[in-house]
């Protein structure tokens, strides 16, 4: 499955002291944005309402680290053929 059309590419990376470097490259299309818009708006509103912007960054850093660990653990259970797939992940349904 190729990625085509209008999309943005993001690098999610977590480097934690004493831990492994975790990273994923993700392609996000306009359709994906529409599917997540309400969740993104709610989350962004909560982040903007925090008293300290640094706390928001810390939260995002920890959340990214936790989700990348969850995501990579989920991927490890897949077959060897899946390891040969392109590094860019397309999110959402095709």
Protein backbone atom coordinates (compact mmCIF):
# COMPACT_ATOMS: atom_id res chain seq x y z
CA UNK A 1 0.00 0.00 0.00
CA UNK A 2 1.52 3.31 -1.08
CA UNK A 3 0.93 6.69 0.44
CA UNK A 4 -0.43 9.23 -2.01
CA UNK A 5 -2.28 12.51 -1.96
CA UNK A 6 -1.92 15.42 0.42
CA UNK A 7 -0.38 14.50 3.78
CA UNK A 8 2.13 15.67 6.39
CA UNK A 9 4.93 13.55 7.80
CA UNK A 10 5.89 13.67 11.47
CA UNK A 11 8.77 12.15 13.39
CA UNK A 12 7.84 11.04 16.89
CA UNK A 13 10.91 10.33 18.99
CA UNK A 14 11.55 9.61 22.63
CA UNK A 15 15.02 9.48 24.14
CA UNK A 16 14.86 8.73 27.85
CA UNK A 17 17.82 8.44 30.22
CA UNK A 18 18.56 4.76 30.74
CA UNK A 19 16.02 3.74 28.11
CA UNK A 20 15.96 2.92 24.46
CA UNK A 21 15.47 5.46 21.69
CA UNK A 22 11.97 5.02 20.35
CA UNK A 23 10.82 6.63 17.14
CA UNK A 24 8.23 6.36 14.43
CA UNK A 25 7.70 8.29 11.21
CA UNK A 26 3.98 8.84 10.59
CA UNK A 27 2.08 10.19 7.57
CA UNK A 28 -1.14 12.00 8.46
CA UNK A 29 -3.70 12.79 5.76
CA UNK A 30 -6.56 15.29 5.77
CA UNK A 31 -8.97 12.38 6.31
CA UNK A 32 -7.00 11.36 9.42
CA UNK A 33 -7.19 14.92 10.73
CA UNK A 34 -10.97 14.92 10.30
CA UNK A 35 -11.26 11.60 12.15
CA UNK A 36 -9.30 12.91 15.14
CA UNK A 37 -10.30 16.60 15.12
CA UNK A 38 -12.59 16.52 18.15
CA UNK A 39 -10.11 14.55 20.28
CA UNK A 40 -7.26 16.83 19.18
CA UNK A 41 -9.32 19.98 19.96
CA UNK A 42 -10.26 18.72 23.43
CA UNK A 43 -6.68 17.72 24.21
CA UNK A 44 -5.25 21.01 22.94
CA UNK A 45 -7.79 23.01 24.98
CA UNK A 46 -6.74 21.14 28.12
CA UNK A 47 -3.06 21.72 27.38
CA UNK A 48 -3.67 25.44 26.78
CA UNK A 49 -5.51 25.69 30.12
CA UNK A 50 -2.56 24.36 32.11
CA UNK A 51 -0.95 26.96 34.37
CA UNK A 52 2.56 26.08 33.18
CA UNK A 53 3.41 25.43 29.53
CA UNK A 54 6.44 23.40 30.62
CA UNK A 55 4.09 20.96 32.38
CA UNK A 56 2.23 20.54 29.09
CA UNK A 57 5.47 19.74 27.28
CA UNK A 58 6.39 17.27 30.01
CA UNK A 59 3.01 15.61 29.69
CA UNK A 60 3.38 15.32 25.90
CA UNK A 61 6.90 13.93 26.27
CA UNK A 62 5.79 11.23 28.71
CA UNK A 63 2.69 10.43 26.70
CA UNK A 64 4.77 10.11 23.53
CA UNK A 65 7.22 7.80 25.29
CA UNK A 66 4.44 5.62 26.70
CA UNK A 67 2.55 5.42 23.42
CA UNK A 68 5.67 4.62 21.37
CA UNK A 69 6.48 1.80 23.82
CA UNK A 70 2.89 0.51 23.52
CA UNK A 71 2.94 0.85 19.72
CA UNK A 72 6.31 -0.87 19.25
CA UNK A 73 5.27 -3.68 21.60
CA UNK A 74 2.15 -4.16 19.51
CA UNK A 75 4.29 -4.24 16.35
CA UNK A 76 6.74 -6.81 17.76
CA UNK A 77 3.98 -9.40 17.74
CA UNK A 78 3.61 -9.10 13.97
CA UNK A 79 5.27 -11.32 11.38
CA UNK A 80 8.74 -10.88 9.88
CA UNK A 81 7.16 -9.72 6.64
CA UNK A 82 5.80 -6.69 8.44
CA UNK A 83 9.34 -5.67 9.38
CA UNK A 84 10.07 -5.11 5.68
CA UNK A 85 7.25 -2.57 5.31
CA UNK A 86 8.10 1.08 4.66
CA UNK A 87 9.16 3.07 7.72
CA UNK A 88 6.44 5.69 7.19
CA UNK A 89 3.21 4.64 8.88
CA UNK A 90 -0.11 5.81 7.47
CA UNK A 91 -2.57 6.39 10.28
CA UNK A 92 -6.28 5.69 10.19
CA UNK A 93 -8.33 3.53 7.88
CA UNK A 94 -7.51 3.25 4.20
